[in-house]
Amino acid sequence: MKTAIAISAQAEWEGVKSLFPEAQISQSLYGECFETTFHDFQLTFFHLGWGKTASAGALQYVLDHEKPDLVVNLGTCGGFAGVVNQGDVILVERTFIYDIVELMDSADVTDYYASAIDLNWLTEPYPYPVQRGLIASADSDLLPDKIPFLKSKGAIAADWESASLAWVAQKNNARLLILRAVSDLVSEDGGEVYDQIEVFNERAKKLMEQLVSQLPGWLRSIPPL
Protein backbone atom coordinates (compact mmCIF):
# COMPACT_ATOMS: atom_id res chain seq x y z
CA MET A 1 0.00 0.00 0.00
CA LYS A 2 1.48 3.30 -1.10
CA THR A 3 1.08 5.71 1.81
CA ALA A 4 1.66 9.46 1.98
CA ILE A 5 1.98 11.08 5.40
CA ALA A 6 0.84 14.70 5.28
CA ILE A 7 2.07 17.18 7.90
CA SER A 8 0.88 20.77 7.97
CA ALA A 9 2.27 23.27 10.51
CA GLN A 10 5.97 24.03 10.75
CA ALA A 11 6.18 23.01 14.41
CA GLU A 12 4.54 19.70 13.55
CA TRP A 13 6.94 19.13 10.66
CA GLU A 14 10.00 19.93 12.76
CA GLY A 15 8.76 17.47 15.37
CA VAL A 16 8.46 14.74 12.74
CA LYS A 17 11.81 15.45 11.08
CA SER A 18 13.62 15.13 14.39
CA LEU A 19 12.40 11.53 14.60
CA PHE A 20 14.12 10.61 11.33
CA PRO A 21 17.61 12.17 11.54
CA GLU A 22 18.98 9.88 8.81
CA ALA A 23 16.29 10.82 6.27
CA GLN A 24 17.39 12.37 3.01
CA ILE A 25 15.33 15.52 2.72
CA SER A 26 14.04 16.44 -0.74
CA GLN A 27 11.94 19.32 -1.97
CA SER A 28 8.49 19.07 -3.51
CA LEU A 29 6.63 21.94 -5.09
CA TYR A 30 5.15 22.90 -1.71
CA GLY A 31 7.75 21.94 0.85
CA GLU A 32 10.16 19.36 2.16
CA CYS A 33 9.58 15.64 1.86
CA PHE A 34 11.39 12.39 2.51
CA GLU A 35 10.95 8.65 2.08
CA THR A 36 11.62 6.18 4.85
CA THR A 37 10.95 2.62 5.93
CA PHE A 38 9.27 2.62 9.33
CA HIS A 39 8.33 -0.65 11.02
CA ASP A 40 8.38 -2.37 7.59
CA PHE A 41 6.11 0.27 6.05
CA GLN A 42 7.41 2.29 3.12
CA LEU A 43 6.25 5.85 3.76
CA THR A 44 6.68 9.24 2.15
CA PHE A 45 6.34 12.23 4.46
CA PHE A 46 5.29 15.57 2.97
CA HIS A 47 5.28 19.00 4.56
CA LEU A 48 2.16 20.62 3.10
CA GLY A 49 2.39 23.97 4.85
CA TRP A 50 -0.03 25.73 7.19
CA GLY A 51 -3.46 27.07 6.36
CA LYS A 52 -6.19 26.22 3.91
CA THR A 53 -4.48 27.39 0.71
CA ALA A 54 -1.24 25.47 1.15
CA SER A 55 -3.09 22.38 2.38
CA ALA A 56 -5.46 22.23 -0.57
CA GLY A 57 -2.79 22.88 -3.19
CA ALA A 58 -0.20 20.57 -1.66
CA LEU A 59 -2.60 17.67 -1.21
CA GLN A 60 -3.74 17.93 -4.82
CA TYR A 61 -0.07 17.92 -5.85
CA VAL A 62 0.60 14.79 -3.77
CA LEU A 63 -2.45 13.02 -5.17
CA ASP A 64 -1.56 13.91 -8.77
CA HIS A 65 2.18 13.14 -8.61
CA GLU A 66 2.43 10.35 -6.02
CA LYS A 67 -0.96 8.65 -6.50
CA PRO A 68 -0.98 7.18 -2.98
CA ASP A 69 -3.45 4.53 -1.90
CA LEU A 70 -3.82 6.30 1.44
CA VAL A 71 -3.10 9.76 2.82
CA VAL A 72 -2.63 10.11 6.57
CA ASN A 73 -2.66 13.60 8.06
CA LEU A 74 -1.07 13.79 11.50
CA GLY A 75 -1.27 17.04 13.40
CA THR A 76 -2.57 19.09 16.30
CA CYS A 77 -5.73 21.03 17.03
CA GLY A 78 -7.27 23.30 19.60
CA GLY A 79 -9.94 21.56 21.64
CA PHE A 80 -13.02 23.02 23.29
CA ALA A 81 -12.57 23.12 27.05
CA GLY A 82 -15.06 20.84 28.78
CA VAL A 83 -15.59 18.79 25.62
CA VAL A 84 -12.16 17.21 25.06
CA ASN A 85 -8.94 17.06 27.06
CA GLN A 86 -5.44 18.19 26.22
CA GLY A 87 -3.65 15.20 24.69
CA ASP A 88 -6.79 13.52 23.34
CA VAL A 89 -6.50 12.21 19.78
CA ILE A 90 -9.40 13.00 17.47
CA LEU A 91 -10.20 10.70 14.58
CA VAL A 92 -11.76 13.22 12.25
CA GLU A 93 -14.99 12.04 10.63
CA ARG A 94 -16.48 15.36 9.53
CA THR A 95 -15.16 18.85 8.79
CA PHE A 96 -16.29 22.30 7.74
CA ILE A 97 -14.73 25.72 7.12
CA TYR A 98 -16.02 28.47 9.37
CA ASP A 99 -14.22 31.68 8.34
CA ILE A 100 -16.20 32.36 5.16
CA VAL A 101 -18.08 35.63 5.65
CA GLU A 102 -21.11 36.21 3.41
CA LEU A 103 -22.59 39.70 3.72
CA MET A 104 -24.79 39.76 0.59
CA ASP A 105 -26.90 36.72 1.47
CA SER A 106 -28.29 35.50 4.77
CA ALA A 107 -27.88 31.84 3.76
CA ASP A 108 -25.64 29.58 5.85
CA VAL A 109 -22.74 28.78 3.49
CA THR A 110 -20.83 26.42 5.78
CA ASP A 111 -22.25 23.35 4.04
CA TYR A 112 -20.44 24.13 0.77
CA TYR A 113 -17.01 23.26 2.16
CA ALA A 114 -18.26 20.65 4.61
CA SER A 115 -17.08 17.08 4.18
CA ALA A 116 -17.90 13.69 5.64
CA ILE A 117 -14.84 11.45 5.63
CA ASP A 118 -15.54 7.86 4.65
CA LEU A 119 -13.98 5.69 7.37
CA ASN A 120 -15.83 2.47 6.56
CA TRP A 121 -12.58 0.89 5.40
CA LEU A 122 -11.04 1.41 8.86
CA THR A 123 -11.73 -1.65 10.97
CA GLU A 124 -12.64 -1.59 14.64
CA PRO A 125 -11.55 -1.93 17.38
CA TYR A 126 -9.08 0.86 16.72
CA PRO A 127 -5.49 0.23 17.79
CA TYR A 128 -5.38 3.27 20.09
CA PRO A 129 -7.95 5.33 21.99
CA VAL A 130 -9.47 8.09 19.89
CA GLN A 131 -12.52 10.29 19.93
CA ARG A 132 -14.33 10.40 16.61
CA GLY A 133 -15.65 13.85 15.89
CA LEU A 134 -16.03 16.97 13.80
CA ILE A 135 -13.24 19.50 13.40
CA ALA A 136 -13.85 23.02 12.11
CA SER A 137 -11.10 24.80 10.17
CA ALA A 138 -10.18 28.43 9.50
CA ASP A 139 -7.12 30.47 8.67
CA SER A 140 -7.06 31.58 12.28
CA ASP A 141 -6.36 30.28 15.73
CA LEU A 142 -9.60 29.47 17.48
CA LEU A 143 -11.33 32.64 18.63
CA PRO A 144 -13.16 32.19 21.93
CA ASP A 145 -16.27 34.00 20.72
CA LYS A 146 -16.62 31.48 17.88
CA ILE A 147 -16.99 28.51 20.21
CA PRO A 148 -20.80 28.72 20.76
CA PHE A 149 -21.39 28.76 17.00
CA LEU A 150 -18.95 25.90 16.38
CA LYS A 151 -20.49 23.80 19.14
CA SER A 152 -23.92 24.39 17.62
CA LYS A 153 -22.58 22.82 14.43
CA GLY A 154 -21.29 19.79 16.31
CA ALA A 155 -17.59 20.64 16.36
CA ILE A 156 -15.39 19.53 19.26
CA ALA A 157 -12.14 21.16 18.12
CA ALA A 158 -10.68 23.48 15.51
CA ASP A 159 -7.57 23.71 13.36
CA TRP A 160 -6.26 25.39 10.22
CA GLU A 161 -6.22 22.57 7.64
CA SER A 162 -8.44 19.51 8.16
CA ALA A 163 -11.45 20.83 6.25
CA SER A 164 -9.37 21.71 3.19
CA LEU A 165 -7.70 18.31 3.21
CA ALA A 166 -11.03 16.51 3.56
CA TRP A 167 -12.63 18.56 0.78
CA VAL A 168 -9.80 17.91 -1.71
CA ALA A 169 -9.63 14.22 -0.80
CA GLN A 170 -13.38 13.91 -1.34
CA LYS A 171 -13.14 15.56 -4.76
CA ASN A 172 -10.46 13.02 -5.72
CA ASN A 173 -12.20 10.02 -4.13
CA ALA A 174 -9.01 9.50 -2.13
CA ARG A 175 -8.76 7.60 1.15
CA LEU A 176 -7.87 10.00 3.94
CA LEU A 177 -7.17 9.37 7.61
CA ILE A 178 -6.89 12.47 9.82
CA LEU A 179 -5.59 12.07 13.38
CA ARG A 180 -5.34 15.33 15.31
CA ALA A 181 -4.04 15.50 18.88
CA VAL A 182 -5.39 18.27 21.13
CA SER A 183 -2.44 20.54 21.86
CA ASP A 184 -4.36 23.12 23.87
CA LEU A 185 -7.79 23.99 25.16
CA VAL A 186 -9.82 27.08 24.38
CA SER A 187 -12.88 28.29 26.24
CA GLU A 188 -15.10 31.31 25.78
CA ASP A 189 -12.76 33.08 28.21
CA GLY A 190 -9.59 32.50 26.18
CA GLY A 191 -6.92 30.02 25.13
CA GLU A 192 -4.45 28.41 27.50
CA VAL A 193 -1.40 28.80 25.22
CA TYR A 194 -2.25 32.02 23.39
CA ASP A 195 0.81 34.32 23.49
CA GLN A 196 2.85 31.28 24.61
CA ILE A 197 4.24 29.90 21.36
CA GLU A 198 7.04 28.03 23.16
CA VAL A 199 4.45 26.02 25.09
CA PHE A 200 2.64 25.10 21.89
CA ASN A 201 5.87 24.16 20.12
CA GLU A 202 6.92 21.85 22.96
CA ARG A 203 3.52 20.21 23.13
CA ALA A 204 3.37 19.83 19.36
CA LYS A 205 6.75 18.08 19.34
CA LYS A 206 5.64 15.55 21.98
CA LEU A 207 2.27 14.94 20.36
CA MET A 208 3.79 14.41 16.91
CA GLU A 209 6.20 11.89 18.41
CA GLN A 210 3.20 10.07 19.90
CA LEU A 211 1.24 10.12 16.64
CA VAL A 212 4.19 8.87 14.59
CA SER A 213 4.91 6.10 17.11
CA GLN A 214 1.29 4.95 16.80
CA LEU A 215 1.25 5.14 13.00
CA PRO A 216 2.32 1.48 12.39
CA GLY A 217 -0.55 0.29 14.57
CA TRP A 218 -3.04 2.22 12.47
CA LEU A 219 -1.51 0.98 9.21
CA ARG A 220 -1.63 -2.63 10.39
CA SER A 221 -5.33 -2.25 11.18
CA ILE A 222 -6.16 -1.34 7.59
CA PRO A 223 -7.38 -4.30 5.52
CA PRO A 224 -5.70 -5.01 2.15
CA LEU A 225 -6.97 -3.08 -0.82
C-alpha atoms as a PDB file:
ATOM      1  CA  MET A   1       0.000   0.000   0.000  1.00  0.00           C
ATOM      2  CA  LYS A   2       1.482   3.301  -1.096  1.00  0.00           C
ATOM      3  CA  THR A   3       1.077   5.711   1.808  1.00  0.00           C
ATOM      4  CA  ALA A   4       1.663   9.462   1.982  1.00  0.00           C
ATOM      5  CA  ILE A   5       1.975  11.083   5.404  1.00  0.00           C
ATOM      6  CA  ALA A   6       0.845  14.704   5.283  1.00  0.00           C
ATOM      7  CA  ILE A   7       2.068  17.181   7.900  1.00  0.00           C
ATOM      8  CA  SER A   8       0.880  20.769   7.967  1.00  0.00           C
ATOM      9  CA  ALA A   9       2.265  23.271  10.505  1.00  0.00           C
ATOM     10  CA  GLN A  10       5.970  24.032  10.754  1.00  0.00           C
ATOM     11  CA  ALA A  11       6.180  23.012  14.411  1.00  0.00           C
ATOM     12  CA  GLU A  12       4.544  19.700  13.552  1.00  0.00           C
ATOM     13  CA  TRP A  13       6.943  19.126  10.660  1.00  0.00           C
ATOM     14  CA  GLU A  14      10.003  19.932  12.759  1.00  0.00           C
ATOM     15  CA  GLY A  15       8.760  17.474  15.368  1.00  0.00           C
ATOM     16  CA  VAL A  16       8.457  14.743  12.740  1.00  0.00           C
ATOM     17  CA  LYS A  17      11.806  15.454  11.079  1.00  0.00           C
ATOM     18  CA  SER A  18      13.618  15.132  14.394  1.00  0.00           C
ATOM     19  CA  LEU A  19      12.401  11.527  14.603  1.00  0.00           C
ATOM     20  CA  PHE A  20      14.120  10.607  11.335  1.00  0.00           C
ATOM     21  CA  PRO A  21      17.612  12.170  11.540  1.00  0.00           C
ATOM     22  CA  GLU A  22      18.979   9.883   8.806  1.00  0.00           C
ATOM     23  CA  ALA A  23      16.293  10.821   6.273  1.00  0.00           C
ATOM     24  CA  GLN A  24      17.391  12.367   3.007  1.00  0.00           C
ATOM     25  CA  ILE A  25      15.328  15.520   2.724  1.00  0.00           C
ATOM     26  CA  SER A  26      14.045  16.440  -0.736  1.00  0.00           C
ATOM     27  CA  GLN A  27      11.941  19.325  -1.972  1.00  0.00           C
ATOM     28  CA  SER A  28       8.491  19.065  -3.508  1.00  0.00           C
ATOM     29  CA  LEU A  29       6.631  21.945  -5.094  1.00  0.00           C
ATOM     30  CA  TYR A  30       5.152  22.898  -1.712  1.00  0.00           C
ATOM     31  CA  GLY A  31       7.745  21.942   0.854  1.00  0.00           C
ATOM     32  CA  GLU A  32      10.161  19.360   2.160  1.00  0.00           C
ATOM     33  CA  CYS A  33       9.580  15.639   1.862  1.00  0.00           C
ATOM     34  CA  PHE A  34      11.390  12.386   2.512  1.00  0.00           C
ATOM     35  CA  GLU A  35      10.950   8.649   2.083  1.00  0.00           C
ATOM     36  CA  THR A  36      11.622   6.179   4.851  1.00  0.00           C
ATOM     37  CA  THR A  37      10.949   2.623   5.934  1.00  0.00           C
ATOM     38  CA  PHE A  38       9.273   2.625   9.328  1.00  0.00           C
ATOM     39  CA  HIS A  39       8.331  -0.650  11.017  1.00  0.00           C
ATOM     40  CA  ASP A  40       8.376  -2.367   7.593  1.00  0.00           C
ATOM     41  CA  PHE A  41       6.112   0.272   6.047  1.00  0.00           C
ATOM     42  CA  GLN A  42       7.408   2.287   3.117  1.00  0.00           C
ATOM     43  CA  LEU A  43       6.246   5.852   3.758  1.00  0.00           C
ATOM     44  CA  THR A  44       6.684   9.245   2.152  1.00  0.00           C
ATOM     45  CA  PHE A  45       6.344  12.234   4.463  1.00  0.00           C
ATOM     46  CA  PHE A  46       5.287  15.567   2.970  1.00  0.00           C
ATOM     47  CA  HIS A  47       5.280  19.002   4.558  1.00  0.00           C
ATOM     48  CA  LEU A  48       2.161  20.616   3.103  1.00  0.00           C
ATOM     49  CA  GLY A  49       2.389  23.972   4.855  1.00  0.00           C
ATOM     50  CA  TRP A  50      -0.026  25.730   7.188  1.00  0.00           C
ATOM     51  CA  GLY A  51      -3.462  27.075   6.362  1.00  0.00           C
ATOM     52  CA  LYS A  52      -6.192  26.216   3.906  1.00  0.00           C
ATOM     53  CA  THR A  53      -4.477  27.389   0.711  1.00  0.00           C
ATOM     54  CA  ALA A  54      -1.238  25.471   1.155  1.00  0.00           C
ATOM     55  CA  SER A  55      -3.086  22.382   2.381  1.00  0.00           C
ATOM     56  CA  ALA A  56      -5.457  22.226  -0.574  1.00  0.00           C
ATOM     57  CA  GLY A  57      -2.787  22.877  -3.190  1.00  0.00           C
ATOM     58  CA  ALA A  58      -0.205  20.570  -1.656  1.00  0.00           C
ATOM     59  CA  LEU A  59      -2.605  17.666  -1.206  1.00  0.00           C
ATOM     60  CA  GLN A  60      -3.737  17.934  -4.825  1.00  0.00           C
ATOM     61  CA  TYR A  61      -0.065  17.915  -5.849  1.00  0.00           C
ATOM     62  CA  VAL A  62       0.600  14.793  -3.767  1.00  0.00           C
ATOM     63  CA  LEU A  63      -2.447  13.019  -5.174  1.00  0.00           C
ATOM     64  CA  ASP A  64      -1.556  13.906  -8.767  1.00  0.00           C
ATOM     65  CA  HIS A  65       2.178  13.135  -8.608  1.00  0.00           C
ATOM     66  CA  GLU A  66       2.427  10.354  -6.017  1.00  0.00           C
ATOM     67  CA  LYS A  67      -0.956   8.653  -6.504  1.00  0.00           C
ATOM     68  CA  PRO A  68      -0.984   7.179  -2.985  1.00  0.00           C
ATOM     69  CA  ASP A  69      -3.454   4.529  -1.900  1.00  0.00           C
ATOM     70  CA  LEU A  70      -3.819   6.298   1.438  1.00  0.00           C
ATOM     71  CA  VAL A  71      -3.098   9.756   2.819  1.00  0.00           C
ATOM     72  CA  VAL A  72      -2.627  10.107   6.573  1.00  0.00           C
ATOM     73  CA  ASN A  73      -2.656  13.596   8.058  1.00  0.00           C
ATOM     74  CA  LEU A  74      -1.072  13.791  11.499  1.00  0.00           C
ATOM     75  CA  GLY A  75      -1.269  17.039  13.402  1.00  0.00           C
ATOM     76  CA  THR A  76      -2.569  19.087  16.297  1.00  0.00           C
ATOM     77  CA  CYS A  77      -5.728  21.029  17.025  1.00  0.00           C
ATOM     78  CA  GLY A  78      -7.274  23.300  19.602  1.00  0.00           C
ATOM     79  CA  GLY A  79      -9.945  21.558  21.640  1.00  0.00           C
ATOM     80  CA  PHE A  80     -13.023  23.018  23.292  1.00  0.00           C
ATOM     81  CA  ALA A  81     -12.568  23.118  27.053  1.00  0.00           C
ATOM     82  CA  GLY A  82     -15.058  20.842  28.781  1.00  0.00           C
ATOM     83  CA  VAL A  83     -15.587  18.788  25.623  1.00  0.00           C
ATOM     84  CA  VAL A  84     -12.160  17.209  25.060  1.00  0.00           C
ATOM     85  CA  ASN A  85      -8.942  17.063  27.062  1.00  0.00           C
ATOM     86  CA  GLN A  86      -5.438  18.185  26.218  1.00  0.00           C
ATOM     87  CA  GLY A  87      -3.650  15.204  24.686  1.00  0.00           C
ATOM     88  CA  ASP A  88      -6.791  13.519  23.342  1.00  0.00           C
ATOM     89  CA  VAL A  89      -6.505  12.215  19.782  1.00  0.00           C
ATOM     90  CA  ILE A  90      -9.399  12.998  17.471  1.00  0.00           C
ATOM     91  CA  LEU A  91     -10.201  10.697  14.585  1.00  0.00           C
ATOM     92  CA  VAL A  92     -11.760  13.220  12.254  1.00  0.00           C
ATOM     93  CA  GLU A  93     -14.987  12.037  10.632  1.00  0.00           C
ATOM     94  CA  ARG A  94     -16.485  15.358   9.532  1.00  0.00           C
ATOM     95  CA  THR A  95     -15.163  18.851   8.789  1.00  0.00           C
ATOM     96  CA  PHE A  96     -16.293  22.300   7.740  1.00  0.00           C
ATOM     97  CA  ILE A  97     -14.734  25.720   7.120  1.00  0.00           C
ATOM     98  CA  TYR A  98     -16.019  28.475   9.368  1.00  0.00           C
ATOM     99  CA  ASP A  99     -14.222  31.675   8.341  1.00  0.00           C
ATOM    100  CA  ILE A 100     -16.201  32.360   5.164  1.00  0.00           C
ATOM    101  CA  VAL A 101     -18.083  35.629   5.649  1.00  0.00           C
ATOM    102  CA  GLU A 102     -21.105  36.210   3.412  1.00  0.00           C
ATOM    103  CA  LEU A 103     -22.589  39.703   3.716  1.00  0.00           C
ATOM    104  CA  MET A 104     -24.789  39.762   0.586  1.00  0.00           C
ATOM    105  CA  ASP A 105     -26.897  36.725   1.468  1.00  0.00           C
ATOM    106  CA  SER A 106     -28.287  35.496   4.767  1.00  0.00           C
ATOM    107  CA  ALA A 107     -27.882  31.838   3.761  1.00  0.00           C
ATOM    108  CA  ASP A 108     -25.643  29.578   5.853  1.00  0.00           C
ATOM    109  CA  VAL A 109     -22.745  28.785   3.495  1.00  0.00           C
ATOM    110  CA  THR A 110     -20.826  26.419   5.779  1.00  0.00           C
ATOM    111  CA  ASP A 111     -22.248  23.349   4.039  1.00  0.00           C
ATOM    112  CA  TYR A 112     -20.445  24.127   0.775  1.00  0.00           C
ATOM    113  CA  TYR A 113     -17.010  23.257   2.164  1.00  0.00           C
ATOM    114  CA  ALA A 114     -18.264  20.653   4.612  1.00  0.00           C
ATOM    115  CA  SER A 115     -17.076  17.076   4.181  1.00  0.00           C
ATOM    116  CA  ALA A 116     -17.904  13.692   5.641  1.00  0.00           C
ATOM    117  CA  ILE A 117     -14.836  11.448   5.629  1.00  0.00           C
ATOM    118  CA  ASP A 118     -15.544   7.855   4.649  1.00  0.00           C
ATOM    119  CA  LEU A 119     -13.982   5.686   7.370  1.00  0.00           C
ATOM    120  CA  ASN A 120     -15.833   2.469   6.556  1.00  0.00           C
ATOM    121  CA  TRP A 121     -12.580   0.889   5.398  1.00  0.00           C
ATOM    122  CA  LEU A 122     -11.038   1.407   8.856  1.00  0.00           C
ATOM    123  CA  THR A 123     -11.727  -1.653  10.969  1.00  0.00           C
ATOM    124  CA  GLU A 124     -12.644  -1.594  14.645  1.00  0.00           C
ATOM    125  CA  PRO A 125     -11.554  -1.926  17.375  1.00  0.00           C
ATOM    126  CA  TYR A 126      -9.085   0.859  16.722  1.00  0.00           C
ATOM    127  CA  PRO A 127      -5.494   0.234  17.794  1.00  0.00           C
ATOM    128  CA  TYR A 128      -5.383   3.274  20.087  1.00  0.00           C
ATOM    129  CA  PRO A 129      -7.946   5.334  21.995  1.00  0.00           C
ATOM    130  CA  VAL A 130      -9.471   8.092  19.885  1.00  0.00           C
ATOM    131  CA  GLN A 131     -12.515  10.292  19.925  1.00  0.00           C
ATOM    132  CA  ARG A 132     -14.326  10.401  16.614  1.00  0.00           C
ATOM    133  CA  GLY A 133     -15.650  13.849  15.888  1.00  0.00           C
ATOM    134  CA  LEU A 134     -16.035  16.970  13.803  1.00  0.00           C
ATOM    135  CA  ILE A 135     -13.241  19.503  13.404  1.00  0.00           C
ATOM    136  CA  ALA A 136     -13.852  23.023  12.110  1.00  0.00           C
ATOM    137  CA  SER A 137     -11.102  24.802  10.169  1.00  0.00           C
ATOM    138  CA  ALA A 138     -10.184  28.425   9.499  1.00  0.00           C
ATOM    139  CA  ASP A 139      -7.119  30.472   8.673  1.00  0.00           C
ATOM    140  CA  SER A 140      -7.059  31.577  12.284  1.00  0.00           C
ATOM    141  CA  ASP A 141      -6.362  30.282  15.727  1.00  0.00           C
ATOM    142  CA  LEU A 142      -9.598  29.474  17.483  1.00  0.00           C
ATOM    143  CA  LEU A 143     -11.326  32.640  18.631  1.00  0.00           C
ATOM    144  CA  PRO A 144     -13.155  32.188  21.934  1.00  0.00           C
ATOM    145  CA  ASP A 145     -16.265  34.000  20.721  1.00  0.00           C
ATOM    146  CA  LYS A 146     -16.620  31.482  17.882  1.00  0.00           C
ATOM    147  CA  ILE A 147     -16.994  28.509  20.213  1.00  0.00           C
ATOM    148  CA  PRO A 148     -20.798  28.723  20.760  1.00  0.00           C
ATOM    149  CA  PHE A 149     -21.386  28.758  16.998  1.00  0.00           C
ATOM    150  CA  LEU A 150     -18.951  25.903  16.376  1.00  0.00           C
ATOM    151  CA  LYS A 151     -20.488  23.803  19.142  1.00  0.00           C
ATOM    152  CA  SER A 152     -23.921  24.393  17.624  1.00  0.00           C
ATOM    153  CA  LYS A 153     -22.579  22.818  14.434  1.00  0.00           C
ATOM    154  CA  GLY A 154     -21.288  19.788  16.312  1.00  0.00           C
ATOM    155  CA  ALA A 155     -17.592  20.641  16.363  1.00  0.00           C
ATOM    156  CA  ILE A 156     -15.388  19.527  19.255  1.00  0.00           C
ATOM    157  CA  ALA A 157     -12.138  21.161  18.122  1.00  0.00           C
ATOM    158  CA  ALA A 158     -10.683  23.478  15.506  1.00  0.00           C
ATOM    159  CA  ASP A 159      -7.569  23.711  13.357  1.00  0.00           C
ATOM    160  CA  TRP A 160      -6.260  25.387  10.220  1.00  0.00           C
ATOM    161  CA  GLU A 161      -6.217  22.566   7.645  1.00  0.00           C
ATOM    162  CA  SER A 162      -8.437  19.514   8.164  1.00  0.00           C
ATOM    163  CA  ALA A 163     -11.449  20.833   6.250  1.00  0.00           C
ATOM    164  CA  SER A 164      -9.369  21.708   3.191  1.00  0.00           C
ATOM    165  CA  LEU A 165      -7.701  18.306   3.212  1.00  0.00           C
ATOM    166  CA  ALA A 166     -11.031  16.513   3.557  1.00  0.00           C
ATOM    167  CA  TRP A 167     -12.626  18.561   0.782  1.00  0.00           C
ATOM    168  CA  VAL A 168      -9.800  17.913  -1.706  1.00  0.00           C
ATOM    169  CA  ALA A 169      -9.632  14.216  -0.800  1.00  0.00           C
ATOM    170  CA  GLN A 170     -13.382  13.909  -1.336  1.00  0.00           C
ATOM    171  CA  LYS A 171     -13.143  15.558  -4.762  1.00  0.00           C
ATOM    172  CA  ASN A 172     -10.464  13.016  -5.723  1.00  0.00           C
ATOM    173  CA  ASN A 173     -12.201  10.021  -4.134  1.00  0.00           C
ATOM    174  CA  ALA A 174      -9.006   9.502  -2.129  1.00  0.00           C
ATOM    175  CA  ARG A 175      -8.755   7.604   1.151  1.00  0.00           C
ATOM    176  CA  LEU A 176      -7.870  10.003   3.943  1.00  0.00           C
ATOM    177  CA  LEU A 177      -7.172   9.373   7.614  1.00  0.00           C
ATOM    178  CA  ILE A 178      -6.893  12.471   9.825  1.00  0.00           C
ATOM    179  CA  LEU A 179      -5.588  12.070  13.375  1.00  0.00           C
ATOM    180  CA  ARG A 180      -5.338  15.330  15.313  1.00  0.00           C
ATOM    181  CA  ALA A 181      -4.041  15.499  18.884  1.00  0.00           C
ATOM    182  CA  VAL A 182      -5.394  18.265  21.125  1.00  0.00           C
ATOM    183  CA  SER A 183      -2.436  20.540  21.855  1.00  0.00           C
ATOM    184  CA  ASP A 184      -4.356  23.117  23.874  1.00  0.00           C
ATOM    185  CA  LEU A 185      -7.788  23.986  25.165  1.00  0.00           C
ATOM    186  CA  VAL A 186      -9.824  27.081  24.376  1.00  0.00           C
ATOM    187  CA  SER A 187     -12.882  28.292  26.245  1.00  0.00           C
ATOM    188  CA  GLU A 188     -15.099  31.313  25.777  1.00  0.00           C
ATOM    189  CA  ASP A 189     -12.756  33.076  28.208  1.00  0.00           C
ATOM    190  CA  GLY A 190      -9.589  32.503  26.180  1.00  0.00           C
ATOM    191  CA  GLY A 191      -6.925  30.022  25.133  1.00  0.00           C
ATOM    192  CA  GLU A 192      -4.447  28.410  27.504  1.00  0.00           C
ATOM    193  CA  VAL A 193      -1.405  28.803  25.217  1.00  0.00           C
ATOM    194  CA  TYR A 194      -2.247  32.019  23.389  1.00  0.00           C
ATOM    195  CA  ASP A 195       0.807  34.315  23.495  1.00  0.00           C
ATOM    196  CA  GLN A 196       2.852  31.284  24.614  1.00  0.00           C
ATOM    197  CA  ILE A 197       4.242  29.898  21.362  1.00  0.00           C
ATOM    198  CA  GLU A 198       7.035  28.029  23.163  1.00  0.00           C
ATOM    199  CA  VAL A 199       4.447  26.015  25.095  1.00  0.00           C
ATOM    200  CA  PHE A 200       2.641  25.100  21.886  1.00  0.00           C
ATOM    201  CA  ASN A 201       5.871  24.159  20.120  1.00  0.00           C
ATOM    202  CA  GLU A 202       6.923  21.854  22.956  1.00  0.00           C
ATOM    203  CA  ARG A 203       3.517  20.207  23.133  1.00  0.00           C
ATOM    204  CA  ALA A 204       3.372  19.833  19.364  1.00  0.00           C
ATOM    205  CA  LYS A 205       6.746  18.079  19.335  1.00  0.00           C
ATOM    206  CA  LYS A 206       5.644  15.553  21.978  1.00  0.00           C
ATOM    207  CA  LEU A 207       2.272  14.943  20.360  1.00  0.00           C
ATOM    208  CA  MET A 208       3.788  14.413  16.911  1.00  0.00           C
ATOM    209  CA  GLU A 209       6.196  11.894  18.415  1.00  0.00           C
ATOM    210  CA  GLN A 210       3.203  10.066  19.898  1.00  0.00           C
ATOM    211  CA  LEU A 211       1.237  10.119  16.643  1.00  0.00           C
ATOM    212  CA  VAL A 212       4.186   8.868  14.594  1.00  0.00           C
ATOM    213  CA  SER A 213       4.914   6.105  17.109  1.00  0.00           C
ATOM    214  CA  GLN A 214       1.294   4.953  16.802  1.00  0.00           C
ATOM    215  CA  LEU A 215       1.255   5.139  12.997  1.00  0.00           C
ATOM    216  CA  PRO A 216       2.322   1.478  12.392  1.00  0.00           C
ATOM    217  CA  GLY A 217      -0.552   0.288  14.566  1.00  0.00           C
ATOM    218  CA  TRP A 218      -3.036   2.221  12.473  1.00  0.00           C
ATOM    219  CA  LEU A 219      -1.513   0.978   9.208  1.00  0.00           C
ATOM    220  CA  ARG A 220      -1.632  -2.627  10.391  1.00  0.00           C
ATOM    221  CA  SER A 221      -5.332  -2.251  11.178  1.00  0.00           C
ATOM    222  CA  ILE A 222      -6.159  -1.337   7.588  1.00  0.00           C
ATOM    223  CA  PRO A 223      -7.377  -4.303   5.519  1.00  0.00           C
ATOM    224  CA  PRO A 224      -5.701  -5.013   2.149  1.00  0.00           C
ATOM    225  CA  LEU A 225      -6.973  -3.076  -0.819  1.00  0.00           C
END
